[in-house]
Amino acid sequence: MKTLQQIRKEHVLQVLDHTNWDLKKASEMLKVSEGFLKKEIRKIGQTKTPKHTEKTNK
């Protein structure tokens, strides 16, 4: 059985993937502030996805 923390992490990452790591769109979908979302991303230990890294390196 998954913990609430695991479920929360998966949900946040799914929304970020869905929005291509557009924090504004993701925070609107999650109904939280961008600042809260940034803290949540740091908390779960995820800073970038492969897709996000490719975009920023081009």
PDB file of N, CA and C in Angstrom:
ATOM      1  N   MET A   1       0.836  -1.176   0.000  1.00  0.00           N
ATOM      2  CA  MET A   1       0.000   0.000   0.000  1.00  0.00           C
ATOM      3  C   MET A   1       0.886   1.246   0.000  1.00  0.00           C
ATOM      4  N   LYS A   2       0.528   2.214  -0.818  1.00  0.00           N
ATOM      5  CA  LYS A   2       1.300   3.444  -0.929  1.00  0.00           C
ATOM      6  C   LYS A   2       0.972   4.391   0.232  1.00  0.00           C
ATOM      7  N   THR A   3       1.972   5.158   0.605  1.00  0.00           N
ATOM      8  CA  THR A   3       1.741   6.165   1.633  1.00  0.00           C
ATOM      9  C   THR A   3       1.141   7.412   0.988  1.00  0.00           C
ATOM     10  N   LEU A   4       0.577   8.268   1.811  1.00  0.00           N
ATOM     11  CA  LEU A   4       0.025   9.521   1.317  1.00  0.00           C
ATOM     12  C   LEU A   4       1.115  10.357   0.658  1.00  0.00           C
ATOM     13  N   GLN A   5       2.301  10.326   1.218  1.00  0.00           N
ATOM     14  CA  GLN A   5       3.434  11.078   0.656  1.00  0.00           C
ATOM     15  C   GLN A   5       3.780  10.570  -0.752  1.00  0.00           C
ATOM     16  N   GLN A   6       3.754   9.261  -0.950  1.00  0.00           N
ATOM     17  CA  GLN A   6       4.044   8.698  -2.267  1.00  0.00           C
ATOM     18  C   GLN A   6       2.971   9.093  -3.283  1.00  0.00           C
ATOM     19  N   ILE A   7       1.727   9.039  -2.856  1.00  0.00           N
ATOM     20  CA  ILE A   7       0.618   9.404  -3.743  1.00  0.00           C
ATOM     21  C   ILE A   7       0.705  10.878  -4.116  1.00  0.00           C
ATOM     22  N   ARG A   8       1.009  11.710  -3.132  1.00  0.00           N
ATOM     23  CA  ARG A   8       1.138  13.150  -3.365  1.00  0.00           C
ATOM     24  C   ARG A   8       2.258  13.432  -4.363  1.00  0.00           C
ATOM     25  N   LYS A   9       3.404  12.776  -4.184  1.00  0.00           N
ATOM     26  CA  LYS A   9       4.543  12.956  -5.084  1.00  0.00           C
ATOM     27  C   LYS A   9       4.167  12.558  -6.504  1.00  0.00           C
ATOM     28  N   GLU A  10       3.545  11.400  -6.660  1.00  0.00           N
ATOM     29  CA  GLU A  10       3.157  10.929  -7.985  1.00  0.00           C
ATOM     30  C   GLU A  10       2.187  11.904  -8.650  1.00  0.00           C
ATOM     31  N   HIS A  11       1.237  12.416  -7.876  1.00  0.00           N
ATOM     32  CA  HIS A  11       0.245  13.338  -8.430  1.00  0.00           C
ATOM     33  C   HIS A  11       0.909  14.633  -8.899  1.00  0.00           C
ATOM     34  N   VAL A  12       1.771  15.195  -8.078  1.00  0.00           N
ATOM     35  CA  VAL A  12       2.472  16.430  -8.438  1.00  0.00           C
ATOM     36  C   VAL A  12       3.301  16.201  -9.701  1.00  0.00           C
ATOM     37  N   LEU A  13       4.030  15.099  -9.768  1.00  0.00           N
ATOM     38  CA  LEU A  13       4.859  14.817 -10.950  1.00  0.00           C
ATOM     39  C   LEU A  13       4.010  14.590 -12.195  1.00  0.00           C
ATOM     40  N   GLN A  14       2.846  13.956 -12.048  1.00  0.00           N
ATOM     41  CA  GLN A  14       1.962  13.749 -13.196  1.00  0.00           C
ATOM     42  C   GLN A  14       1.453  15.085 -13.731  1.00  0.00           C
ATOM     43  N   VAL A  15       1.070  15.977 -12.824  1.00  0.00           N
ATOM     44  CA  VAL A  15       0.594  17.297 -13.249  1.00  0.00           C
ATOM     45  C   VAL A  15       1.729  18.075 -13.909  1.00  0.00           C
ATOM     46  N   LEU A  16       2.917  18.016 -13.349  1.00  0.00           N
ATOM     47  CA  LEU A  16       4.064  18.702 -13.953  1.00  0.00           C
ATOM     48  C   LEU A  16       4.363  18.148 -15.343  1.00  0.00           C
ATOM     49  N   ASP A  17       4.322  16.833 -15.499  1.00  0.00           N
ATOM     50  CA  ASP A  17       4.537  16.243 -16.824  1.00  0.00           C
ATOM     51  C   ASP A  17       3.445  16.696 -17.797  1.00  0.00           C
ATOM     52  N   HIS A  18       2.208  16.706 -17.322  1.00  0.00           N
ATOM     53  CA  HIS A  18       1.070  17.103 -18.160  1.00  0.00           C
ATOM     54  C   HIS A  18       1.208  18.534 -18.653  1.00  0.00           C
ATOM     55  N   THR A  19       1.774  19.401 -17.820  1.00  0.00           N
ATOM     56  CA  THR A  19       1.922  20.815 -18.184  1.00  0.00           C
ATOM     57  C   THR A  19       3.313  21.137 -18.734  1.00  0.00           C
ATOM     58  N   ASN A  20       4.101  20.102 -18.983  1.00  0.00           N
ATOM     59  CA  ASN A  20       5.487  20.286 -19.449  1.00  0.00           C
ATOM     60  C   ASN A  20       6.275  21.196 -18.515  1.00  0.00           C
ATOM     61  N   TRP A  21       6.071  21.001 -17.241  1.00  0.00           N
ATOM     62  CA  TRP A  21       6.767  21.728 -16.172  1.00  0.00           C
ATOM     63  C   TRP A  21       6.503  23.231 -16.214  1.00  0.00           C
ATOM     64  N   ASP A  22       5.333  23.606 -16.715  1.00  0.00           N
ATOM     65  CA  ASP A  22       4.912  25.011 -16.638  1.00  0.00           C
ATOM     66  C   ASP A  22       4.334  25.198 -15.234  1.00  0.00           C
ATOM     67  N   LEU A  23       5.119  25.829 -14.350  1.00  0.00           N
ATOM     68  CA  LEU A  23       4.724  25.928 -12.951  1.00  0.00           C
ATOM     69  C   LEU A  23       3.437  26.724 -12.766  1.00  0.00           C
ATOM     70  N   LYS A  24       3.221  27.720 -13.594  1.00  0.00           N
ATOM     71  CA  LYS A  24       1.987  28.505 -13.490  1.00  0.00           C
ATOM     72  C   LYS A  24       0.770  27.629 -13.791  1.00  0.00           C
ATOM     73  N   LYS A  25       0.824  26.900 -14.894  1.00  0.00           N
ATOM     74  CA  LYS A  25      -0.293  26.022 -15.253  1.00  0.00           C
ATOM     75  C   LYS A  25      -0.471  24.918 -14.214  1.00  0.00           C
ATOM     76  N   ALA A  26       0.637  24.328 -13.776  1.00  0.00           N
ATOM     77  CA  ALA A  26       0.559  23.238 -12.803  1.00  0.00           C
ATOM     78  C   ALA A  26      -0.032  23.729 -11.486  1.00  0.00           C
ATOM     79  N   SER A  27       0.392  24.901 -11.043  1.00  0.00           N
ATOM     80  CA  SER A  27      -0.141  25.418  -9.776  1.00  0.00           C
ATOM     81  C   SER A  27      -1.623  25.738  -9.900  1.00  0.00           C
ATOM     82  N   GLU A  28      -2.044  26.210 -11.067  1.00  0.00           N
ATOM     83  CA  GLU A  28      -3.477  26.461 -11.289  1.00  0.00           C
ATOM     84  C   GLU A  28      -4.262  25.150 -11.259  1.00  0.00           C
ATOM     85  N   MET A  29      -3.734  24.118 -11.897  1.00  0.00           N
ATOM     86  CA  MET A  29      -4.419  22.819 -11.895  1.00  0.00           C
ATOM     87  C   MET A  29      -4.517  22.239 -10.483  1.00  0.00           C
ATOM     88  N   LEU A  30      -3.447  22.427  -9.711  1.00  0.00           N
ATOM     89  CA  LEU A  30      -3.425  21.890  -8.353  1.00  0.00           C
ATOM     90  C   LEU A  30      -4.110  22.816  -7.351  1.00  0.00           C
ATOM     91  N   LYS A  31      -4.444  24.022  -7.805  1.00  0.00           N
ATOM     92  CA  LYS A  31      -5.087  25.026  -6.953  1.00  0.00           C
ATOM     93  C   LYS A  31      -4.224  25.389  -5.743  1.00  0.00           C
ATOM     94  N   VAL A  32      -2.935  25.614  -6.036  1.00  0.00           N
ATOM     95  CA  VAL A  32      -1.971  26.073  -5.031  1.00  0.00           C
ATOM     96  C   VAL A  32      -1.157  27.200  -5.650  1.00  0.00           C
ATOM     97  N   SER A  33      -0.453  27.947  -4.822  1.00  0.00           N
ATOM     98  CA  SER A  33       0.399  29.015  -5.349  1.00  0.00           C
ATOM     99  C   SER A  33       1.652  28.413  -5.987  1.00  0.00           C
ATOM    100  N   GLU A  34       2.287  29.191  -6.855  1.00  0.00           N
ATOM    101  CA  GLU A  34       3.536  28.736  -7.464  1.00  0.00           C
ATOM    102  C   GLU A  34       4.611  28.530  -6.405  1.00  0.00           C
ATOM    103  N   GLY A  35       4.637  29.407  -5.407  1.00  0.00           N
ATOM    104  CA  GLY A  35       5.611  29.277  -4.324  1.00  0.00           C
ATOM    105  C   GLY A  35       5.432  27.970  -3.570  1.00  0.00           C
ATOM    106  N   PHE A  36       4.187  27.610  -3.293  1.00  0.00           N
ATOM    107  CA  PHE A  36       3.915  26.352  -2.601  1.00  0.00           C
ATOM    108  C   PHE A  36       4.348  25.175  -3.469  1.00  0.00           C
ATOM    109  N   LEU A  37       4.058  25.259  -4.756  1.00  0.00           N
ATOM    110  CA  LEU A  37       4.437  24.176  -5.666  1.00  0.00           C
ATOM    111  C   LEU A  37       5.949  24.022  -5.724  1.00  0.00           C
ATOM    112  N   LYS A  38       6.677  25.129  -5.767  1.00  0.00           N
ATOM    113  CA  LYS A  38       8.144  25.063  -5.776  1.00  0.00           C
ATOM    114  C   LYS A  38       8.664  24.387  -4.508  1.00  0.00           C
ATOM    115  N   LYS A  39       8.076  24.732  -3.371  1.00  0.00           N
ATOM    116  CA  LYS A  39       8.470  24.089  -2.110  1.00  0.00           C
ATOM    117  C   LYS A  39       8.156  22.602  -2.148  1.00  0.00           C
ATOM    118  N   GLU A  40       7.019  22.245  -2.702  1.00  0.00           N
ATOM    119  CA  GLU A  40       6.618  20.841  -2.790  1.00  0.00           C
ATOM    120  C   GLU A  40       7.585  20.069  -3.689  1.00  0.00           C
ATOM    121  N   ILE A  41       8.022  20.682  -4.777  1.00  0.00           N
ATOM    122  CA  ILE A  41       8.965  20.038  -5.692  1.00  0.00           C
ATOM    123  C   ILE A  41      10.289  19.779  -4.976  1.00  0.00           C
ATOM    124  N   ARG A  42      10.763  20.780  -4.245  1.00  0.00           N
ATOM    125  CA  ARG A  42      12.006  20.588  -3.479  1.00  0.00           C
ATOM    126  C   ARG A  42      11.822  19.509  -2.416  1.00  0.00           C
ATOM    127  N   LYS A  43      10.676  19.507  -1.781  1.00  0.00           N
ATOM    128  CA  LYS A  43      10.381  18.553  -0.706  1.00  0.00           C
ATOM    129  C   LYS A  43      10.402  17.106  -1.211  1.00  0.00           C
ATOM    130  N   ILE A  44       9.878  16.891  -2.400  1.00  0.00           N
ATOM    131  CA  ILE A  44       9.859  15.527  -2.932  1.00  0.00           C
ATOM    132  C   ILE A  44      11.178  15.169  -3.613  1.00  0.00           C
ATOM    133  N   GLY A  45      12.089  16.131  -3.675  1.00  0.00           N
ATOM    134  CA  GLY A  45      13.428  15.846  -4.197  1.00  0.00           C
ATOM    135  C   GLY A  45      13.513  15.784  -5.698  1.00  0.00           C
ATOM    136  N   GLN A  46      12.579  16.414  -6.377  1.00  0.00           N
ATOM    137  CA  GLN A  46      12.565  16.399  -7.834  1.00  0.00           C
ATOM    138  C   GLN A  46      12.755  17.821  -8.321  1.00  0.00           C
ATOM    139  N   THR A  47      13.787  18.073  -9.093  1.00  0.00           N
ATOM    140  CA  THR A  47      13.996  19.421  -9.588  1.00  0.00           C
ATOM    141  C   THR A  47      13.759  19.524 -11.084  1.00  0.00           C
ATOM    142  N   LYS A  48      14.049  18.474 -11.827  1.00  0.00           N
ATOM    143  CA  LYS A  48      13.856  18.513 -13.274  1.00  0.00           C
ATOM    144  C   LYS A  48      13.515  17.122 -13.785  1.00  0.00           C
ATOM    145  N   THR A  49      12.781  17.096 -14.888  1.00  0.00           N
ATOM    146  CA  THR A  49      12.532  15.841 -15.585  1.00  0.00           C
ATOM    147  C   THR A  49      13.404  15.832 -16.823  1.00  0.00           C
ATOM    148  N   PRO A  50      13.587  14.698 -17.454  1.00  0.00           N
ATOM    149  CA  PRO A  50      14.368  14.688 -18.699  1.00  0.00           C
ATOM    150  C   PRO A  50      13.825  15.664 -19.731  1.00  0.00           C
ATOM    151  N   LYS A  51      12.504  15.759 -19.879  1.00  0.00           N
ATOM    152  CA  LYS A  51      11.907  16.690 -20.838  1.00  0.00           C
ATOM    153  C   LYS A  51      12.266  18.122 -20.469  1.00  0.00           C
ATOM    154  N   HIS A  52      12.149  18.447 -19.196  1.00  0.00           N
ATOM    155  CA  HIS A  52      12.441  19.791 -18.720  1.00  0.00           C
ATOM    156  C   HIS A  52      13.900  20.139 -18.955  1.00  0.00           C
ATOM    157  N   THR A  53      14.788  19.207 -18.697  1.00  0.00           N
ATOM    158  CA  THR A  53      16.223  19.414 -18.873  1.00  0.00           C
ATOM    159  C   THR A  53      16.535  19.674 -20.346  1.00  0.00           C
ATOM    160  N   GLU A  54      15.910  18.914 -21.255  1.00  0.00           N
ATOM    161  CA  GLU A  54      16.152  19.110 -22.684  1.00  0.00           C
ATOM    162  C   GLU A  54      15.748  20.499 -23.117  1.00  0.00           C
ATOM    163  N   LYS A  55      14.613  20.999 -22.639  1.00  0.00           N
ATOM    164  CA  LYS A  55      14.135  22.322 -23.029  1.00  0.00           C
ATOM    165  C   LYS A  55      15.087  23.412 -22.566  1.00  0.00           C
ATOM    166  N   THR A  56      15.576  23.289 -21.343  1.00  0.00           N
ATOM    167  CA  THR A  56      16.411  24.354 -20.788  1.00  0.00           C
ATOM    168  C   THR A  56      17.819  24.327 -21.356  1.00  0.00           C
ATOM    169  N   ASN A  57      18.252  23.205 -21.907  1.00  0.00           N
ATOM    170  CA  ASN A  57      19.609  23.102 -22.434  1.00  0.00           C
ATOM    171  C   ASN A  57      19.691  23.481 -23.916  1.00  0.00           C
ATOM    172  N   LYS A  58      18.583  23.714 -24.556  1.00  0.00           N
ATOM    173  CA  LYS A  58      18.603  24.048 -25.978  1.00  0.00           C
ATOM    174  C   LYS A  58      18.843  25.502 -26.191  1.00  0.00           C
TER     175      LYS A  58
END
